[in-house]
Protein backbone atom coordinates (compact mmCIF):
# COMPACT_ATOMS: atom_id res chain seq x y z
CA UNK A 1 65.62 -10.20 90.01
CA UNK A 2 65.58 -7.19 87.71
CA UNK A 3 68.49 -4.74 87.77
CA UNK A 4 67.87 -1.20 86.45
CA UNK A 5 70.36 1.62 85.97
CA UNK A 6 69.01 5.01 84.85
CA UNK A 7 71.30 7.98 84.09
CA UNK A 8 70.54 11.49 85.30
CA UNK A 9 69.79 14.19 82.78
CA UNK A 10 70.15 17.90 82.27
CA UNK A 11 67.45 19.52 80.18
CA UNK A 12 67.16 22.69 78.10
CA UNK A 13 70.95 23.28 77.73
CA UNK A 14 70.04 26.95 77.88
CA UNK A 15 67.74 27.85 74.97
CA UNK A 16 66.45 24.35 74.17
CA UNK A 17 63.47 24.77 76.50
CA UNK A 18 61.50 21.51 76.93
CA UNK A 19 63.14 20.12 73.80
CA UNK A 20 66.87 19.53 74.37
CA UNK A 21 68.53 17.34 76.96
CA UNK A 22 71.63 15.34 77.81
CA UNK A 23 72.18 12.15 79.82
CA UNK A 24 75.03 12.30 82.36
CA UNK A 25 76.93 9.78 84.47
CA UNK A 26 75.02 10.09 87.74
CA UNK A 27 72.73 7.11 88.28
CA UNK A 28 69.64 5.72 89.94
CA UNK A 29 70.10 1.96 90.49
CA UNK A 30 67.42 -0.51 91.52
CA UNK A 31 67.08 -4.23 92.21
CA UNK A 32 63.46 -5.34 91.85
CA UNK A 33 61.58 -8.57 92.44
CA UNK A 34 57.92 -9.49 92.75
CA UNK A 35 56.57 -9.52 96.29
CA UNK A 36 53.29 -10.03 98.12
CA UNK A 37 53.45 -6.42 99.44
CA UNK A 38 55.18 -3.22 98.38
CA UNK A 39 58.56 -2.82 100.09
CA UNK A 40 60.99 -0.10 99.02
CA UNK A 41 64.39 0.19 100.71
CA UNK A 42 66.69 3.16 100.23
CA UNK A 43 70.46 3.17 100.47
CA UNK A 44 72.72 6.19 100.48
CA UNK A 45 72.40 9.74 101.74
CA UNK A 46 70.63 11.01 98.60
CA UNK A 47 67.49 8.93 99.22
CA UNK A 48 67.52 9.07 103.02
CA UNK A 49 64.53 11.42 103.21
CA UNK A 50 62.21 9.19 101.16
CA UNK A 51 59.56 7.08 102.87
CA UNK A 52 58.29 3.60 102.03
CA UNK A 53 54.60 4.36 101.52
CA UNK A 54 51.90 4.65 98.84
CA UNK A 55 53.13 8.13 97.84
CA UNK A 56 56.56 6.89 96.83
CA UNK A 57 57.32 7.94 93.25
CA UNK A 58 58.26 4.42 92.08
CA UNK A 59 55.15 2.86 93.57
CA UNK A 60 52.91 5.66 92.32
CA UNK A 61 54.05 5.37 88.72
CA UNK A 62 54.19 1.59 88.66
CA UNK A 63 50.50 1.70 89.59
CA UNK A 64 49.94 4.42 86.99
CA UNK A 65 51.31 2.18 84.21
CA UNK A 66 49.45 -0.85 85.56
CA UNK A 67 46.20 1.11 85.29
CA UNK A 68 47.09 2.60 81.92
CA UNK A 69 47.69 -0.83 80.39
CA UNK A 70 44.78 -2.35 82.37
CA UNK A 71 47.03 -5.00 83.91
CA UNK A 72 46.41 -7.15 86.98
CA UNK A 73 47.80 -5.63 90.15
CA UNK A 74 51.24 -6.67 91.40
CA UNK A 75 53.52 -5.61 94.25
CA UNK A 76 57.28 -5.38 94.23
CA UNK A 77 60.27 -5.39 96.52
CA UNK A 78 62.63 -2.60 95.47
CA UNK A 79 66.13 -1.80 96.70
CA UNK A 80 67.29 1.63 95.54
CA UNK A 81 70.54 3.56 95.46
CA UNK A 82 71.07 6.92 93.77
CA UNK A 83 73.74 9.55 93.36
CA UNK A 84 71.28 11.88 91.55
CA UNK A 85 70.49 14.67 94.03
CA UNK A 86 66.79 15.34 94.56
CA UNK A 87 65.12 18.54 93.33
CA UNK A 88 68.34 19.92 91.83
CA UNK A 89 67.41 19.99 88.12
CA UNK A 90 69.22 16.73 87.32
CA UNK A 91 66.23 14.58 86.40
CA UNK A 92 65.78 12.67 89.67
CA UNK A 93 62.00 12.41 89.18
CA UNK A 94 62.43 11.56 85.48
CA UNK A 95 64.84 8.74 86.32
CA UNK A 96 62.33 7.31 88.82
CA UNK A 97 59.56 7.55 86.22
CA UNK A 98 61.73 5.67 83.72
CA UNK A 99 62.58 3.01 86.30
CA UNK A 100 58.86 2.51 87.01
CA UNK A 101 58.14 1.88 83.35
CA UNK A 102 61.07 -0.55 83.14
CA UNK A 103 59.63 -2.49 86.09
CA UNK A 104 56.23 -2.81 84.45
CA UNK A 105 57.71 -3.56 81.05
CA UNK A 106 59.76 -6.43 82.48
CA UNK A 107 57.39 -8.07 84.93
CA UNK A 108 54.42 -7.91 82.55
CA UNK A 109 56.50 -8.84 79.51
CA UNK A 110 55.23 -5.84 77.52
CA UNK A 111 58.27 -5.84 75.18
CA UNK A 112 58.08 -2.08 74.65
CA UNK A 113 60.47 -0.56 72.14
CA UNK A 114 62.60 2.44 73.11
CA UNK A 115 60.38 4.64 70.94
CA UNK A 116 57.26 3.38 72.71
CA UNK A 117 58.90 4.07 76.06
CA UNK A 118 59.82 7.62 75.03
CA UNK A 119 56.24 8.23 73.82
CA UNK A 120 54.74 6.99 77.10
CA UNK A 121 57.17 8.93 79.27
CA UNK A 122 56.77 12.13 77.27
CA UNK A 123 53.01 11.84 77.66
CA UNK A 124 53.42 11.79 81.43
CA UNK A 125 55.98 14.61 81.51
CA UNK A 126 54.45 16.72 78.75
CA UNK A 127 57.85 17.06 77.06
CA UNK A 128 60.74 14.72 76.18
CA UNK A 129 63.82 16.73 77.15
CA UNK A 130 64.66 14.93 80.40
CA UNK A 131 63.27 11.44 79.83
CA UNK A 132 64.40 10.87 76.22
CA UNK A 133 68.14 11.33 76.95
CA UNK A 134 67.95 9.05 79.98
CA UNK A 135 66.28 6.35 77.87
CA UNK A 136 68.35 6.74 74.71
CA UNK A 137 71.64 8.16 76.02
CA UNK A 138 73.67 11.08 74.73
CA UNK A 139 72.29 14.46 73.68
CA UNK A 140 68.71 14.40 72.37
CA UNK A 141 66.53 17.02 70.73
CA UNK A 142 62.85 16.16 70.76
CA UNK A 143 59.29 17.34 70.25
CA UNK A 144 56.20 15.92 71.95
CA UNK A 145 53.05 16.44 69.89
CA UNK A 146 50.22 16.52 72.43
CA UNK A 147 47.48 16.43 69.80
CA UNK A 148 48.80 13.24 68.20
CA UNK A 149 50.46 11.90 71.37
CA UNK A 150 53.69 11.19 69.49
CA UNK A 151 57.30 12.08 70.21
CA UNK A 152 59.96 12.83 67.61
CA UNK A 153 63.59 12.65 68.74
CA UNK A 154 66.98 13.05 67.08
CA UNK A 155 70.42 12.22 68.44
CA UNK A 156 72.72 15.25 68.53
CA UNK A 157 76.54 14.85 68.57
CA UNK A 158 77.89 14.54 72.10
CA UNK A 159 79.65 17.60 73.55
CA UNK A 160 83.39 16.92 73.55
CA UNK A 161 84.56 19.76 75.81
CA UNK A 162 84.85 19.03 79.55
CA UNK A 163 81.65 19.52 81.54
CA UNK A 164 81.18 20.45 85.18
CA UNK A 165 78.04 20.74 87.25
CA UNK A 166 77.63 23.05 90.23
CA UNK A 167 75.15 21.48 92.68
CA UNK A 168 73.97 23.94 95.37
CA UNK A 169 73.03 22.63 98.79
CA UNK A 170 69.40 23.77 98.45
CA UNK A 171 66.45 22.38 96.53
CA UNK A 172 64.24 24.05 93.95
CA UNK A 173 60.92 22.42 93.26
CA UNK A 174 59.99 22.20 89.57
CA UNK A 175 56.54 23.59 90.36
CA UNK A 176 58.10 26.73 91.88
CA UNK A 177 60.39 27.17 88.87
CA UNK A 178 57.44 26.70 86.48
CA UNK A 179 55.41 29.30 88.36
CA UNK A 180 58.18 31.84 87.73
CA UNK A 181 57.68 31.66 83.95
CA UNK A 182 55.56 34.28 82.14
CA UNK A 183 52.29 33.36 80.43
CA UNK A 184 53.56 34.80 77.15
CA UNK A 185 56.44 36.78 75.66
CA UNK A 186 56.55 39.32 72.81
CA UNK A 187 56.65 37.86 69.29
CA UNK A 188 59.99 39.51 68.48
CA UNK A 189 61.52 37.98 71.61
CA UNK A 190 60.15 34.55 70.68
CA UNK A 191 61.73 34.85 67.22
CA UNK A 192 65.06 35.71 68.81
CA UNK A 193 64.77 32.80 71.25
CA UNK A 194 64.05 30.40 68.39
CA UNK A 195 67.06 31.66 66.44
CA UNK A 196 69.35 31.17 69.45
CA UNK A 197 68.13 27.59 69.88
CA UNK A 198 68.61 26.89 66.17
CA UNK A 199 72.18 28.21 66.22
CA UNK A 200 72.91 26.07 69.29
CA UNK A 201 71.85 22.88 67.47
CA UNK A 202 73.92 23.89 64.42
CA UNK A 203 76.94 24.58 66.62
CA UNK A 204 76.65 21.18 68.31
CA UNK A 205 76.59 19.45 64.93
CA UNK A 206 79.52 21.61 63.78
CA UNK A 207 81.36 20.94 67.06
CA UNK A 208 81.88 24.67 67.47
CA UNK A 209 81.57 24.71 71.25
CA UNK A 210 82.52 28.35 71.64
CA UNK A 211 79.44 29.38 69.64
CA UNK A 212 77.41 26.66 71.36
CA UNK A 213 78.45 28.07 74.74
CA UNK A 214 77.50 31.59 73.77
CA UNK A 215 74.05 30.37 72.73
CA UNK A 216 73.68 28.34 75.94
CA UNK A 217 74.27 31.52 77.94
CA UNK A 218 71.74 33.61 75.99
CA UNK A 219 68.44 31.83 76.62
CA UNK A 220 65.36 34.07 76.43
CA UNK A 221 62.66 31.58 77.44
CA UNK A 222 63.31 30.58 81.04
CA UNK A 223 66.63 31.57 82.60
CA UNK A 224 65.83 35.32 82.82
CA UNK A 225 62.71 34.46 84.84
CA UNK A 226 64.29 31.79 87.06
CA UNK A 227 67.75 33.07 87.89
CA UNK A 228 66.51 35.01 90.93
CA UNK A 229 65.55 31.63 92.44
CA UNK A 230 69.18 30.44 92.18
CA UNK A 231 71.66 32.62 94.13
CA UNK A 232 74.58 30.61 92.71
CA UNK A 233 73.59 31.51 89.14
CA UNK A 234 75.26 34.94 89.16
CA UNK A 235 78.09 33.67 91.37
CA UNK A 236 79.06 31.04 88.80
CA UNK A 237 78.83 33.52 85.91
CA UNK A 238 81.19 35.90 87.74
CA UNK A 239 83.71 33.20 88.70
CA UNK A 240 84.23 31.45 85.36
CA UNK A 241 86.68 32.86 82.83
CA UNK A 242 88.06 32.18 79.38
CA UNK A 243 86.07 29.99 77.02
CA UNK A 244 83.79 28.71 79.75
CA UNK A 245 79.99 28.87 79.60
CA UNK A 246 77.29 28.30 82.25
CA UNK A 247 73.57 27.56 82.06
CA UNK A 248 70.85 26.25 84.37
CA UNK A 249 70.35 22.51 84.51
CA UNK A 250 66.67 22.03 83.79
CA UNK A 251 64.70 24.26 86.12
CA UNK A 252 67.72 24.59 88.45
CA UNK A 253 69.23 25.10 90.91
CA UNK A 254 72.16 23.06 89.53
CA UNK A 255 74.27 24.86 86.93
CA UNK A 256 76.16 23.19 84.10
CA UNK A 257 79.47 24.58 82.89
CA UNK A 258 80.97 23.67 79.51
CA UNK A 259 84.64 24.62 79.36
CA UNK A 260 87.44 24.67 76.79
CA UNK A 261 90.01 21.98 77.74
CA UNK A 262 92.76 24.62 78.09
CA UNK A 263 90.70 26.52 80.68
CA UNK A 264 89.26 23.57 82.58
CA UNK A 265 91.69 23.26 85.50
CA UNK A 266 91.64 26.94 86.43
CA UNK A 267 87.85 27.13 86.25
CA UNK A 268 87.40 23.92 88.22
CA UNK A 269 89.59 25.38 90.98
CA UNK A 270 87.74 28.71 90.90
CA UNK A 271 84.35 27.03 91.14
CA UNK A 272 85.56 24.90 94.05
CA UNK A 273 86.08 28.11 96.02
CA UNK A 274 82.32 28.78 95.98
CA UNK A 275 80.51 28.16 99.24
CA UNK A 276 77.52 25.89 99.87
CA UNK A 277 77.78 23.81 96.72
CA UNK A 278 79.46 20.75 95.25
CA UNK A 279 81.38 20.77 91.96
CA UNK A 280 81.46 17.60 89.87
CA UNK A 281 83.38 16.89 86.69
CA UNK A 282 80.95 14.70 84.76
CA UNK A 283 80.71 12.80 81.50
CA UNK A 284 77.91 12.33 78.99
CA UNK A 285 76.20 8.95 79.37
CA UNK A 286 75.83 7.49 75.88
CA UNK A 287 74.05 4.24 76.80
CA UNK A 288 70.81 5.38 78.38
CA UNK A 289 68.78 3.16 80.70
CA UNK A 290 69.98 -0.41 81.25
CA UNK A 291 67.66 -3.14 82.51
CA UNK A 292 68.40 -6.86 82.72
CA UNK A 293 67.60 -9.91 84.80
CA UNK A 294 70.28 -10.90 87.30
């Protein structure tokens, strides 16, 4: 039996649109074995709405990779548990995609390297910012070159200030969040956006989290166009105080908050007063996906 554990991810970190992401300690866990038919069982409230049919994400992408590698067809028995909320900007679909590749890699003995996995996953997603951190662990900056079908990634120093995530009790489909983005932006605005992203990376390497937080809160590429889809966005910004910085997790609606240690307790309490959401104090996952035979 194959055991798989995939961490959740938050992508963009504000201005790092489609290029910067971080793995966090919420997990999708699976136990998988070969079977004569497909059978997927779900445990836990998070996955209760999913159905065991041909449209299931795990089954769909296992078959995708089987076809891509031109492999003989196989079926699997899968038992799943997850504490990654669905459609909340925490990489639930990316974690399922990664798990599907791990299943095919193991049961067909493909012996894929981590780099090969990141390339394949980025090809499916069109960008590496959610899948690369969940495969490699930590904070990852990456670029997927569509013309050459290659992915370049670099490990960025892990954020050492406490991190919270505000998880609203409503979903936001990635397709809806993508539709909110403009087709283009003025050149001067693009230059400013690039500069903000560059300063963010420099601040993370310098461990200057106050500057990093300011950059995270000043994205020009997606948050201005998506924040109206997330009522909690302005609520969180108004509630936090001191050296405490908030940004959308991926496309939203979850919101990450990076906070100076001296201001953590007061901000955690203030955020817990918000209605219709859950506040979690989380850690960066530095290991990435784990898969082994039990």
